[in-house]
Structures are given as C-alpha cells and as structure tokens.
C-alpha cells in the first residue's frame, strides 16, 4: 500500500512540476533573448512574494519527486527490500533537497 501511495505522490508532484518547468524555461528564454543580466533578474525577484510562492511550490514538488524517484532506483538497482531503511533514506534525501532549496529560494527571492 505504501508503494502505491508513493507512486501516486510522485505522479502528483510531476503534474505540479510540469507547468512550472515550462514557465521556468519560458522565463529563461525570455531573459536570455532579452539580454537581462543576473543582477537585473535578482532585482526583479528579490522581495517578491509571487516569485517566492512560484519557486517554493516548484521546490517542494521537485524535492518530493526526486526523493521518491531515488528510492525506487535504489530499491530496483540494488535490490534493497529493507523498507524502513529505504523510507528513512527517502525522508533524509527529501529533507536535504528541501533545506538546500529553501536556502536558495531565500537568497533569490526574500533576501
């Protein structure tokens, strides 16, 4: 039952990320073609609650998606069947991704 829930959670995180990735790529292309510098981008994103929410949602979805995906890869590749160890590893990896992402989010939008 846990595997089904993780499968569904990973698919849900992918559904959340898909439009956010497309938006991010569109913004990157716009910035590069418009000749916007990194300083100008930071000037636009810093202090913006909208950008913080956009990239915050992106970050949470990506951390969940990546941690579950890594769990599946380890279980299949290394034939690990120790569920408590896999669960603990998934939580730890997800937490590390989330913490690192929140630090970057803070630096780009809220600092």
PDB file of N, CA and C in Angstrom:
ATOM      1  N   UNK A   1       0.816  -1.196   0.000  1.00  0.00           N
ATOM      2  CA  UNK A   1       0.000   0.000   0.000  1.00  0.00           C
ATOM      3  C   UNK A   1       0.861   1.262   0.000  1.00  0.00           C
ATOM      4  N   UNK A   2       1.988   1.209   0.725  1.00  0.00           N
ATOM      5  CA  UNK A   2       2.894   2.355   0.761  1.00  0.00           C
ATOM      6  C   UNK A   2       3.447   2.633  -0.634  1.00  0.00           C
ATOM      7  N   UNK A   3       3.804   1.575  -1.356  1.00  0.00           N
ATOM      8  CA  UNK A   3       4.352   1.766  -2.699  1.00  0.00           C
ATOM      9  C   UNK A   3       3.345   2.447  -3.618  1.00  0.00           C
ATOM     10  N   UNK A   4       2.080   2.103  -3.500  1.00  0.00           N
ATOM     11  CA  UNK A   4       1.045   2.735  -4.312  1.00  0.00           C
ATOM     12  C   UNK A   4       0.911   4.217  -3.953  1.00  0.00           C
ATOM     13  N   UNK A   5       0.960   4.517  -2.667  1.00  0.00           N
ATOM     14  CA  UNK A   5       0.859   5.925  -2.247  1.00  0.00           C
ATOM     15  C   UNK A   5       2.060   6.729  -2.731  1.00  0.00           C
ATOM     16  N   UNK A   6       3.246   6.142  -2.635  1.00  0.00           N
ATOM     17  CA  UNK A   6       4.439   6.841  -3.129  1.00  0.00           C
ATOM     18  C   UNK A   6       4.381   7.023  -4.641  1.00  0.00           C
ATOM     19  N   UNK A   7       3.891   6.012  -5.339  1.00  0.00           N
ATOM     20  CA  UNK A   7       3.725   6.103  -6.789  1.00  0.00           C
ATOM     21  C   UNK A   7       2.788   7.257  -7.138  1.00  0.00           C
ATOM     22  N   UNK A   8       1.665   7.332  -6.461  1.00  0.00           N
ATOM     23  CA  UNK A   8       0.692   8.390  -6.724  1.00  0.00           C
ATOM     24  C   UNK A   8       1.247   9.761  -6.333  1.00  0.00           C
ATOM     25  N   UNK A   9       1.977   9.833  -5.233  1.00  0.00           N
ATOM     26  CA  UNK A   9       2.572  11.096  -4.802  1.00  0.00           C
ATOM     27  C   UNK A   9       3.613  11.574  -5.814  1.00  0.00           C
ATOM     28  N   UNK A  10       4.380  10.653  -6.360  1.00  0.00           N
ATOM     29  CA  UNK A  10       5.370  11.047  -7.360  1.00  0.00           C
ATOM     30  C   UNK A  10       4.683  11.537  -8.633  1.00  0.00           C
ATOM     31  N   UNK A  11       3.614  10.879  -9.025  1.00  0.00           N
ATOM     32  CA  UNK A  11       2.877  11.319 -10.214  1.00  0.00           C
ATOM     33  C   UNK A  11       2.227  12.675  -9.980  1.00  0.00           C
ATOM     34  N   UNK A  12       1.711  12.901  -8.788  1.00  0.00           N
ATOM     35  CA  UNK A  12       1.111  14.191  -8.447  1.00  0.00           C
ATOM     36  C   UNK A  12       2.168  15.294  -8.464  1.00  0.00           C
ATOM     37  N   UNK A  13       3.348  15.002  -7.924  1.00  0.00           N
ATOM     38  CA  UNK A  13       4.416  16.004  -7.940  1.00  0.00           C
ATOM     39  C   UNK A  13       4.840  16.313  -9.377  1.00  0.00           C
ATOM     40  N   UNK A  14       4.802  15.318 -10.253  1.00  0.00           N
ATOM     41  CA  UNK A  14       5.129  15.554 -11.667  1.00  0.00           C
ATOM     42  C   UNK A  14       4.071  16.446 -12.315  1.00  0.00           C
ATOM     43  N   UNK A  15       2.811  16.235 -11.965  1.00  0.00           N
ATOM     44  CA  UNK A  15       1.742  17.083 -12.503  1.00  0.00           C
ATOM     45  C   UNK A  15       1.892  18.530 -12.053  1.00  0.00           C
ATOM     46  N   UNK A  16       2.339  18.718 -10.839  1.00  0.00           N
ATOM     47  CA  UNK A  16       2.562  20.076 -10.328  1.00  0.00           C
ATOM     48  C   UNK A  16       3.771  20.697 -11.021  1.00  0.00           C
ATOM     49  N   UNK A  17       4.824  19.914 -11.181  1.00  0.00           N
ATOM     50  CA  UNK A  17       6.060  20.443 -11.752  1.00  0.00           C
ATOM     51  C   UNK A  17       5.962  20.759 -13.241  1.00  0.00           C
ATOM     52  N   UNK A  18       5.185  20.009 -14.001  1.00  0.00           N
ATOM     53  CA  UNK A  18       5.164  20.168 -15.457  1.00  0.00           C
ATOM     54  C   UNK A  18       4.894  21.612 -15.898  1.00  0.00           C
ATOM     55  N   UNK A  19       3.819  22.249 -15.444  1.00  0.00           N
ATOM     56  CA  UNK A  19       3.619  23.636 -15.883  1.00  0.00           C
ATOM     57  C   UNK A  19       4.650  24.598 -15.300  1.00  0.00           C
ATOM     58  N   UNK A  20       5.152  24.287 -14.108  1.00  0.00           N
ATOM     59  CA  UNK A  20       6.165  25.150 -13.508  1.00  0.00           C
ATOM     60  C   UNK A  20       7.479  25.082 -14.283  1.00  0.00           C
ATOM     61  N   UNK A  21       7.834  23.905 -14.753  1.00  0.00           N
ATOM     62  CA  UNK A  21       9.043  23.749 -15.572  1.00  0.00           C
ATOM     63  C   UNK A  21       8.885  24.523 -16.874  1.00  0.00           C
ATOM     64  N   UNK A  22       7.728  24.389 -17.508  1.00  0.00           N
ATOM     65  CA  UNK A  22       7.502  25.111 -18.761  1.00  0.00           C
ATOM     66  C   UNK A  22       7.572  26.618 -18.540  1.00  0.00           C
ATOM     67  N   UNK A  23       6.976  27.091 -17.460  1.00  0.00           N
ATOM     68  CA  UNK A  23       7.048  28.511 -17.133  1.00  0.00           C
ATOM     69  C   UNK A  23       8.472  28.959 -16.874  1.00  0.00           C
ATOM     70  N   UNK A  24       9.214  28.159 -16.146  1.00  0.00           N
ATOM     71  CA  UNK A  24      10.608  28.475 -15.846  1.00  0.00           C
ATOM     72  C   UNK A  24      11.437  28.549 -17.128  1.00  0.00           C
ATOM     73  N   UNK A  25      11.262  27.561 -18.006  1.00  0.00           N
ATOM     74  CA  UNK A  25      12.001  27.567 -19.268  1.00  0.00           C
ATOM     75  C   UNK A  25      11.628  28.771 -20.120  1.00  0.00           C
ATOM     76  N   UNK A  26      10.352  29.106 -20.177  1.00  0.00           N
ATOM     77  CA  UNK A  26       9.917  30.269 -20.948  1.00  0.00           C
ATOM     78  C   UNK A  26      10.545  31.544 -20.387  1.00  0.00           C
ATOM     79  N   UNK A  27      10.587  31.656 -19.074  1.00  0.00           N
ATOM     80  CA  UNK A  27      11.200  32.834 -18.463  1.00  0.00           C
ATOM     81  C   UNK A  27      12.698  32.904 -18.741  1.00  0.00           C
ATOM     82  N   UNK A  28      13.362  31.752 -18.708  1.00  0.00           N
ATOM     83  CA  UNK A  28      14.796  31.729 -19.008  1.00  0.00           C
ATOM     84  C   UNK A  28      15.061  32.154 -20.453  1.00  0.00           C
ATOM     85  N   UNK A  29      14.273  31.640 -21.369  1.00  0.00           N
ATOM     86  CA  UNK A  29      14.447  32.002 -22.784  1.00  0.00           C
ATOM     87  C   UNK A  29      14.197  33.494 -22.972  1.00  0.00           C
ATOM     88  N   UNK A  30      13.145  33.999 -22.349  1.00  0.00           N
ATOM     89  CA  UNK A  30      12.837  35.432 -22.426  1.00  0.00           C
ATOM     90  C   UNK A  30      13.988  36.272 -21.877  1.00  0.00           C
ATOM     91  N   UNK A  31      14.533  35.850 -20.742  1.00  0.00           N
ATOM     92  CA  UNK A  31      15.623  36.608 -20.117  1.00  0.00           C
ATOM     93  C   UNK A  31      16.877  36.591 -20.978  1.00  0.00           C
ATOM     94  N   UNK A  32      17.206  35.436 -21.538  1.00  0.00           N
ATOM     95  CA  UNK A  32      18.418  35.328 -22.355  1.00  0.00           C
ATOM     96  C   UNK A  32      18.272  36.124 -23.642  1.00  0.00           C
ATOM     97  N   UNK A  33      17.119  35.991 -24.286  1.00  0.00           N
ATOM     98  CA  UNK A  33      16.915  36.714 -25.542  1.00  0.00           C
ATOM     99  C   UNK A  33      16.776  38.220 -25.310  1.00  0.00           C
ATOM    100  N   UNK A  34      16.270  38.587 -24.139  1.00  0.00           N
ATOM    101  CA  UNK A  34      16.112  39.995 -23.827  1.00  0.00           C
ATOM    102  C   UNK A  34      17.385  40.638 -23.316  1.00  0.00           C
ATOM    103  N   UNK A  35      18.410  39.834 -23.102  1.00  0.00           N
ATOM    104  CA  UNK A  35      19.680  40.365 -22.633  1.00  0.00           C
ATOM    105  C   UNK A  35      19.651  40.826 -21.187  1.00  0.00           C
ATOM    106  N   UNK A  36      18.777  40.229 -20.394  1.00  0.00           N
ATOM    107  CA  UNK A  36      18.668  40.611 -18.988  1.00  0.00           C
ATOM    108  C   UNK A  36      19.828  39.987 -18.217  1.00  0.00           C
ATOM    109  N   UNK A  37      20.500  40.776 -17.415  1.00  0.00           N
ATOM    110  CA  UNK A  37      21.638  40.272 -16.637  1.00  0.00           C
ATOM    111  C   UNK A  37      21.143  39.584 -15.363  1.00  0.00           C
ATOM    112  N   UNK A  38      22.057  38.850 -14.740  1.00  0.00           N
ATOM    113  CA  UNK A  38      21.720  38.181 -13.486  1.00  0.00           C
ATOM    114  C   UNK A  38      21.321  39.199 -12.424  1.00  0.00           C
ATOM    115  N   UNK A  39      21.988  40.333 -12.396  1.00  0.00           N
ATOM    116  CA  UNK A  39      21.654  41.384 -11.436  1.00  0.00           C
ATOM    117  C   UNK A  39      20.255  41.923 -11.649  1.00  0.00           C
ATOM    118  N   UNK A  40      19.868  42.087 -12.908  1.00  0.00           N
ATOM    119  CA  UNK A  40      18.516  42.561 -13.214  1.00  0.00           C
ATOM    120  C   UNK A  40      17.462  41.529 -12.823  1.00  0.00           C
ATOM    121  N   UNK A  41      17.778  40.260 -13.043  1.00  0.00           N
ATOM    122  CA  UNK A  41      16.846  39.194 -12.651  1.00  0.00           C
ATOM    123  C   UNK A  41      16.668  39.200 -11.139  1.00  0.00           C
ATOM    124  N   UNK A  42      17.767  39.270 -10.400  1.00  0.00           N
ATOM    125  CA  UNK A  42      17.675  39.302  -8.939  1.00  0.00           C
ATOM    126  C   UNK A  42      16.927  40.538  -8.456  1.00  0.00           C
ATOM    127  N   UNK A  43      17.111  41.662  -9.120  1.00  0.00           N
ATOM    128  CA  UNK A  43      16.396  42.880  -8.735  1.00  0.00           C
ATOM    129  C   UNK A  43      14.890  42.693  -8.899  1.00  0.00           C
ATOM    130  N   UNK A  44      14.489  41.899  -9.873  1.00  0.00           N
ATOM    131  CA  UNK A  44      13.058  41.651 -10.104  1.00  0.00           C
ATOM    132  C   UNK A  44      12.484  40.602  -9.164  1.00  0.00           C
ATOM    133  N   UNK A  45      13.299  39.645  -8.750  1.00  0.00           N
ATOM    134  CA  UNK A  45      12.773  38.554  -7.918  1.00  0.00           C
ATOM    135  C   UNK A  45      12.875  38.839  -6.424  1.00  0.00           C
ATOM    136  N   UNK A  46      13.865  39.593  -6.004  1.00  0.00           N
ATOM    137  CA  UNK A  46      14.044  39.821  -4.567  1.00  0.00           C
ATOM    138  C   UNK A  46      12.902  40.662  -4.010  1.00  0.00           C
ATOM    139  N   UNK A  47      12.373  40.194  -2.896  1.00  0.00           N
ATOM    140  CA  UNK A  47      11.272  40.869  -2.247  1.00  0.00           C
ATOM    141  C   UNK A  47       9.924  40.560  -2.857  1.00  0.00           C
ATOM    142  N   UNK A  48       9.860  39.637  -3.802  1.00  0.00           N
ATOM    143  CA  UNK A  48       8.613  39.310  -4.477  1.00  0.00           C
ATOM    144  C   UNK A  48       7.976  38.067  -3.874  1.00  0.00           C
ATOM    145  N   UNK A  49       6.824  38.242  -3.267  1.00  0.00           N
ATOM    146  CA  UNK A  49       6.093  37.109  -2.700  1.00  0.00           C
ATOM    147  C   UNK A  49       5.628  36.160  -3.802  1.00  0.00           C
ATOM    148  N   UNK A  50       5.245  36.716  -4.943  1.00  0.00           N
ATOM    149  CA  UNK A  50       4.790  35.883  -6.065  1.00  0.00           C
ATOM    150  C   UNK A  50       5.850  34.910  -6.545  1.00  0.00           C
ATOM    151  N   UNK A  51       7.077  35.430  -6.741  1.00  0.00           N
ATOM    152  CA  UNK A  51       8.164  34.551  -7.175  1.00  0.00           C
ATOM    153  C   UNK A  51       8.520  33.555  -6.077  1.00  0.00           C
ATOM    154  N   UNK A  52       8.454  33.973  -4.828  1.00  0.00           N
ATOM    155  CA  UNK A  52       8.747  33.059  -3.716  1.00  0.00           C
ATOM    156  C   UNK A  52       7.734  31.916  -3.697  1.00  0.00           C
ATOM    157  N   UNK A  53       6.467  32.221  -3.916  1.00  0.00           N
ATOM    158  CA  UNK A  53       5.441  31.170  -3.934  1.00  0.00           C
ATOM    159  C   UNK A  53       5.606  30.262  -5.152  1.00  0.00           C
ATOM    160  N   UNK A  54       5.876  30.850  -6.308  1.00  0.00           N
ATOM    161  CA  UNK A  54       6.053  30.072  -7.537  1.00  0.00           C
ATOM    162  C   UNK A  54       7.200  29.076  -7.373  1.00  0.00           C
ATOM    163  N   UNK A  55       8.374  29.596  -7.004  1.00  0.00           N
ATOM    164  CA  UNK A  55       9.528  28.714  -6.894  1.00  0.00           C
ATOM    165  C   UNK A  55       9.485  27.860  -5.627  1.00  0.00           C
ATOM    166  N   UNK A  56       8.775  28.309  -4.614  1.00  0.00           N
ATOM    167  CA  UNK A  56       8.591  27.481  -3.426  1.00  0.00           C
ATOM    168  C   UNK A  56       7.780  26.232  -3.736  1.00  0.00           C
ATOM    169  N   UNK A  57       6.696  26.404  -4.492  1.00  0.00           N
ATOM    170  CA  UNK A  57       5.892  25.251  -4.911  1.00  0.00           C
ATOM    171  C   UNK A  57       6.712  24.325  -5.802  1.00  0.00           C
ATOM    172  N   UNK A  58       7.470  24.919  -6.705  1.00  0.00           N
ATOM    173  CA  UNK A  58       8.349  24.161  -7.596  1.00  0.00           C
ATOM    174  C   UNK A  58       9.347  23.344  -6.776  1.00  0.00           C
ATOM    175  N   UNK A  59       9.928  23.970  -5.798  1.00  0.00           N
ATOM    176  CA  UNK A  59      10.945  23.329  -4.969  1.00  0.00           C
ATOM    177  C   UNK A  59      10.375  22.169  -4.156  1.00  0.00           C
ATOM    178  N   UNK A  60       9.226  22.350  -3.553  1.00  0.00           N
ATOM    179  CA  UNK A  60       8.612  21.273  -2.764  1.00  0.00           C
ATOM    180  C   UNK A  60       8.274  20.092  -3.667  1.00  0.00           C
ATOM    181  N   UNK A  61       7.675  20.365  -4.824  1.00  0.00           N
ATOM    182  CA  UNK A  61       7.330  19.287  -5.750  1.00  0.00           C
ATOM    183  C   UNK A  61       8.576  18.554  -6.236  1.00  0.00           C
ATOM    184  N   UNK A  62       9.635  19.302  -6.543  1.00  0.00           N
ATOM    185  CA  UNK A  62      10.874  18.676  -7.029  1.00  0.00           C
ATOM    186  C   UNK A  62      11.544  17.833  -5.946  1.00  0.00           C
ATOM    187  N   UNK A  63      11.540  18.315  -4.706  1.00  0.00           N
ATOM    188  CA  UNK A  63      12.156  17.555  -3.606  1.00  0.00           C
ATOM    189  C   UNK A  63      11.415  16.240  -3.382  1.00  0.00           C
ATOM    190  N   UNK A  64      10.101  16.292  -3.398  1.00  0.00           N
ATOM    191  CA  UNK A  64       9.290  15.069  -3.222  1.00  0.00           C
ATOM    192  C   UNK A  64       9.540  14.117  -4.379  1.00  0.00           C
ATOM    193  N   UNK A  65       9.465  14.637  -5.587  1.00  0.00           N
ATOM    194  CA  UNK A  65       9.611  13.818  -6.788  1.00  0.00           C
ATOM    195  C   UNK A  65      10.982  13.138  -6.835  1.00  0.00           C
ATOM    196  N   UNK A  66      12.029  13.894  -6.563  1.00  0.00           N
ATOM    197  CA  UNK A  66      13.392  13.354  -6.629  1.00  0.00           C
ATOM    198  C   UNK A  66      13.653  12.317  -5.540  1.00  0.00           C
ATOM    199  N   UNK A  67      13.189  12.583  -4.333  1.00  0.00           N
ATOM    200  CA  UNK A  67      13.430  11.638  -3.240  1.00  0.00           C
ATOM    201  C   UNK A  67      12.737  10.304  -3.496  1.00  0.00           C
ATOM    202  N   UNK A  68      11.503  10.349  -3.952  1.00  0.00           N
ATOM    203  CA  UNK A  68      10.778   9.101  -4.242  1.00  0.00           C
ATOM    204  C   UNK A  68      11.429   8.380  -5.416  1.00  0.00           C
ATOM    205  N   UNK A  69      11.827   9.126  -6.437  1.00  0.00           N
ATOM    206  CA  UNK A  69      12.489   8.506  -7.586  1.00  0.00           C
ATOM    207  C   UNK A  69      13.790   7.828  -7.203  1.00  0.00           C
ATOM    208  N   UNK A  70      14.553   8.474  -6.347  1.00  0.00           N
ATOM    209  CA  UNK A  70      15.810   7.876  -5.878  1.00  0.00           C
ATOM    210  C   UNK A  70      15.543   6.608  -5.070  1.00  0.00           C
ATOM    211  N   UNK A  71      14.483   6.626  -4.290  1.00  0.00           N
ATOM    212  CA  UNK A  71      14.101   5.439  -3.512  1.00  0.00           C
ATOM    213  C   UNK A  71      13.801   4.265  -4.445  1.00  0.00           C
ATOM    214  N   UNK A  72      13.057   4.524  -5.496  1.00  0.00           N
ATOM    215  CA  UNK A  72      12.704   3.472  -6.450  1.00  0.00           C
ATOM    216  C   UNK A  72      13.954   2.953  -7.159  1.00  0.00           C
ATOM    217  N   UNK A  73      14.824   3.854  -7.576  1.00  0.00           N
ATOM    218  CA  UNK A  73      16.057   3.443  -8.255  1.00  0.00           C
ATOM    219  C   UNK A  73      16.906   2.559  -7.348  1.00  0.00           C
ATOM    220  N   UNK A  74      17.061   2.965  -6.091  1.00  0.00           N
ATOM    221  CA  UNK A  74      17.846   2.148  -5.153  1.00  0.00           C
ATOM    222  C   UNK A  74      17.207   0.792  -4.920  1.00  0.00           C
ATOM    223  N   UNK A  75      15.892   0.775  -4.751  1.00  0.00           N
ATOM    224  CA  UNK A  75      15.198  -0.489  -4.497  1.00  0.00           C
ATOM    225  C   UNK A  75      15.355  -1.445  -5.677  1.00  0.00           C
ATOM    226  N   UNK A  76      15.266  -0.919  -6.890  1.00  0.00           N
ATOM    227  CA  UNK A  76      15.338  -1.780  -8.076  1.00  0.00           C
ATOM    228  C   UNK A  76      16.770  -2.142  -8.458  1.00  0.00           C
ATOM    229  N   UNK A  77      17.679  -1.185  -8.369  1.00  0.00           N
ATOM    230  CA  UNK A  77      19.053  -1.423  -8.802  1.00  0.00           C
ATOM    231  C   UNK A  77      19.826  -2.275  -7.804  1.00  0.00           C
ATOM    232  N   UNK A  78      19.713  -1.937  -6.544  1.00  0.00           N
ATOM    233  CA  UNK A  78      20.470  -2.643  -5.516  1.00  0.00           C
ATOM    234  C   UNK A  78      19.663  -3.751  -4.855  1.00  0.00           C
ATOM    235  N   UNK A  79      18.475  -3.975  -5.377  1.00  0.00           N
ATOM    236  CA  UNK A  79      17.535  -4.947  -4.813  1.00  0.00           C
ATOM    237  C   UNK A  79      17.407  -4.807  -3.291  1.00  0.00           C
ATOM    238  N   UNK A  80      17.298  -3.563  -2.856  1.00  0.00           N
ATOM    239  CA  UNK A  80      17.086  -3.303  -1.431  1.00  0.00           C
ATOM    240  C   UNK A  80      15.618  -3.511  -1.100  1.00  0.00           C
ATOM    241  N   UNK A  81      15.375  -4.323  -0.151  1.00  0.00           N
ATOM    242  CA  UNK A  81      13.994  -4.580   0.254  1.00  0.00           C
ATOM    243  C   UNK A  81      13.766  -4.215   1.718  1.00  0.00           C
ATOM    244  N   UNK A  82      14.754  -3.599   2.328  1.00  0.00           N
ATOM    245  CA  UNK A  82      14.635  -3.172   3.715  1.00  0.00           C
ATOM    246  C   UNK A  82      13.812  -1.885   3.732  1.00  0.00           C
ATOM    247  N   UNK A  83      12.512  -2.036   3.885  1.00  0.00           N
ATOM    248  CA  UNK A  83      11.606  -0.897   3.779  1.00  0.00           C
ATOM    249  C   UNK A  83      11.923   0.216   4.776  1.00  0.00           C
ATOM    250  N   UNK A  84      12.179  -0.065   6.054  1.00  0.00           N
ATOM    251  CA  UNK A  84      12.486   1.042   6.971  1.00  0.00           C
ATOM    252  C   UNK A  84      13.730   1.834   6.555  1.00  0.00           C
ATOM    253  N   UNK A  85      14.738   1.155   6.049  1.00  0.00           N
ATOM    254  CA  UNK A  85      15.942   1.841   5.600  1.00  0.00           C
ATOM    255  C   UNK A  85      15.650   2.708   4.376  1.00  0.00           C
ATOM    256  N   UNK A  86      14.898   2.168   3.441  1.00  0.00           N
ATOM    257  CA  UNK A  86      14.526   2.940   2.253  1.00  0.00           C
ATOM    258  C   UNK A  86      13.668   4.148   2.626  1.00  0.00           C
ATOM    259  N   UNK A  87      12.735   3.960   3.543  1.00  0.00           N
ATOM    260  CA  UNK A  87      11.878   5.064   3.979  1.00  0.00           C
ATOM    261  C   UNK A  87      12.696   6.152   4.662  1.00  0.00           C
ATOM    262  N   UNK A  88      13.605   5.749   5.524  1.00  0.00           N
ATOM    263  CA  UNK A  88      14.449   6.715   6.219  1.00  0.00           C
ATOM    264  C   UNK A  88      15.337   7.467   5.225  1.00  0.00           C
ATOM    265  N   UNK A  89      15.901   6.741   4.277  1.00  0.00           N
ATOM    266  CA  UNK A  89      16.748   7.368   3.270  1.00  0.00           C
ATOM    267  C   UNK A  89      15.942   8.360   2.431  1.00  0.00           C
ATOM    268  N   UNK A  90      14.726   7.963   2.036  1.00  0.00           N
ATOM    269  CA  UNK A  90      13.870   8.842   1.249  1.00  0.00           C
ATOM    270  C   UNK A  90      13.553  10.119   2.014  1.00  0.00           C
ATOM    271  N   UNK A  91      13.222   9.991   3.271  1.00  0.00           N
ATOM    272  CA  UNK A  91      12.931  11.177   4.081  1.00  0.00           C
ATOM    273  C   UNK A  91      14.161  12.064   4.236  1.00  0.00           C
ATOM    274  N   UNK A  92      15.317  11.457   4.455  1.00  0.00           N
ATOM    275  CA  UNK A  92      16.544  12.240   4.632  1.00  0.00           C
ATOM    276  C   UNK A  92      16.920  12.976   3.345  1.00  0.00           C
ATOM    277  N   UNK A  93      16.858  12.296   2.219  1.00  0.00           N
ATOM    278  CA  UNK A  93      17.183  12.927   0.939  1.00  0.00           C
ATOM    279  C   UNK A  93      16.192  14.051   0.645  1.00  0.00           C
ATOM    280  N   UNK A  94      14.915  13.783   0.844  1.00  0.00           N
ATOM    281  CA  UNK A  94      13.902  14.813   0.626  1.00  0.00           C
ATOM    282  C   UNK A  94      14.128  16.026   1.515  1.00  0.00           C
ATOM    283  N   UNK A  95      14.499  15.782   2.766  1.00  0.00           N
ATOM    284  CA  UNK A  95      14.757  16.886   3.700  1.00  0.00           C
ATOM    285  C   UNK A  95      15.975  17.699   3.268  1.00  0.00           C
ATOM    286  N   UNK A  96      17.029  17.023   2.836  1.00  0.00           N
ATOM    287  CA  UNK A  96      18.229  17.733   2.367  1.00  0.00           C
ATOM    288  C   UNK A  96      17.901  18.571   1.139  1.00  0.00           C
ATOM    289  N   UNK A  97      17.197  17.995   0.177  1.00  0.00           N
ATOM    290  CA  UNK A  97      16.801  18.751  -1.018  1.00  0.00           C
ATOM    291  C   UNK A  97      15.951  19.959  -0.634  1.00  0.00           C
ATOM    292  N   UNK A  98      15.027  19.757   0.282  1.00  0.00           N
ATOM    293  CA  UNK A  98      14.142  20.841   0.703  1.00  0.00           C
ATOM    294  C   UNK A  98      14.916  21.949   1.408  1.00  0.00           C
ATOM    295  N   UNK A  99      15.819  21.587   2.299  1.00  0.00           N
ATOM    296  CA  UNK A  99      16.606  22.588   3.033  1.00  0.00           C
ATOM    297  C   UNK A  99      17.509  23.376   2.083  1.00  0.00           C
ATOM    298  N   UNK A 100      18.210  22.674   1.199  1.00  0.00           N
ATOM    299  CA  UNK A 100      19.080  23.367   0.245  1.00  0.00           C
ATOM    300  C   UNK A 100      18.269  24.264  -0.695  1.00  0.00           C
ATOM    301  N   UNK A 101      17.126  23.760  -1.126  1.00  0.00           N
ATOM    302  CA  UNK A 101      16.274  24.549  -1.999  1.00  0.00           C
ATOM    303  C   UNK A 101      15.714  25.776  -1.308  1.00  0.00           C
ATOM    304  N   UNK A 102      15.322  25.629  -0.047  1.00  0.00           N
ATOM    305  CA  UNK A 102      14.802  26.779   0.699  1.00  0.00           C
ATOM    306  C   UNK A 102      15.875  27.839   0.908  1.00  0.00           C
ATOM    307  N   UNK A 103      17.101  27.408   1.110  1.00  0.00           N
ATOM    308  CA  UNK A 103      18.203  28.378   1.236  1.00  0.00           C
ATOM    309  C   UNK A 103      18.376  29.153  -0.061  1.00  0.00           C
ATOM    310  N   UNK A 104      18.344  28.453  -1.185  1.00  0.00           N
ATOM    311  CA  UNK A 104      18.479  29.129  -2.486  1.00  0.00           C
ATOM    312  C   UNK A 104      17.278  30.026  -2.742  1.00  0.00           C
ATOM    313  N   UNK A 105      16.086  29.555  -2.417  1.00  0.00           N
ATOM    314  CA  UNK A 105      14.875  30.350  -2.597  1.00  0.00           C
ATOM    315  C   UNK A 105      14.946  31.634  -1.789  1.00  0.00           C
ATOM    316  N   UNK A 106      15.399  31.511  -0.563  1.00  0.00           N
ATOM    317  CA  UNK A 106      15.535  32.688   0.299  1.00  0.00           C
ATOM    318  C   UNK A 106      16.517  33.689  -0.310  1.00  0.00           C
ATOM    319  N   UNK A 107      17.634  33.197  -0.826  1.00  0.00           N
ATOM    320  CA  UNK A 107      18.648  34.082  -1.395  1.00  0.00           C
ATOM    321  C   UNK A 107      18.142  34.798  -2.646  1.00  0.00           C
ATOM    322  N   UNK A 108      17.329  34.119  -3.433  1.00  0.00           N
ATOM    323  CA  UNK A 108      16.885  34.693  -4.702  1.00  0.00           C
ATOM    324  C   UNK A 108      15.651  35.575  -4.560  1.00  0.00           C
ATOM    325  N   UNK A 109      14.764  35.241  -3.625  1.00  0.00           N
ATOM    326  CA  UNK A 109      13.500  35.974  -3.565  1.00  0.00           C
ATOM    327  C   UNK A 109      13.295  36.799  -2.309  1.00  0.00           C
ATOM    328  N   UNK A 110      13.797  36.355  -1.201  1.00  0.00           N
ATOM    329  CA  UNK A 110      13.439  37.016   0.048  1.00  0.00           C
ATOM    330  C   UNK A 110      14.580  37.797   0.686  1.00  0.00           C
ATOM    331  N   UNK A 111      15.804  37.625   0.214  1.00  0.00           N
ATOM    332  CA  UNK A 111      16.946  38.296   0.827  1.00  0.00           C
ATOM    333  C   UNK A 111      17.001  39.757   0.436  1.00  0.00           C
TER     334      UNK A 111
END
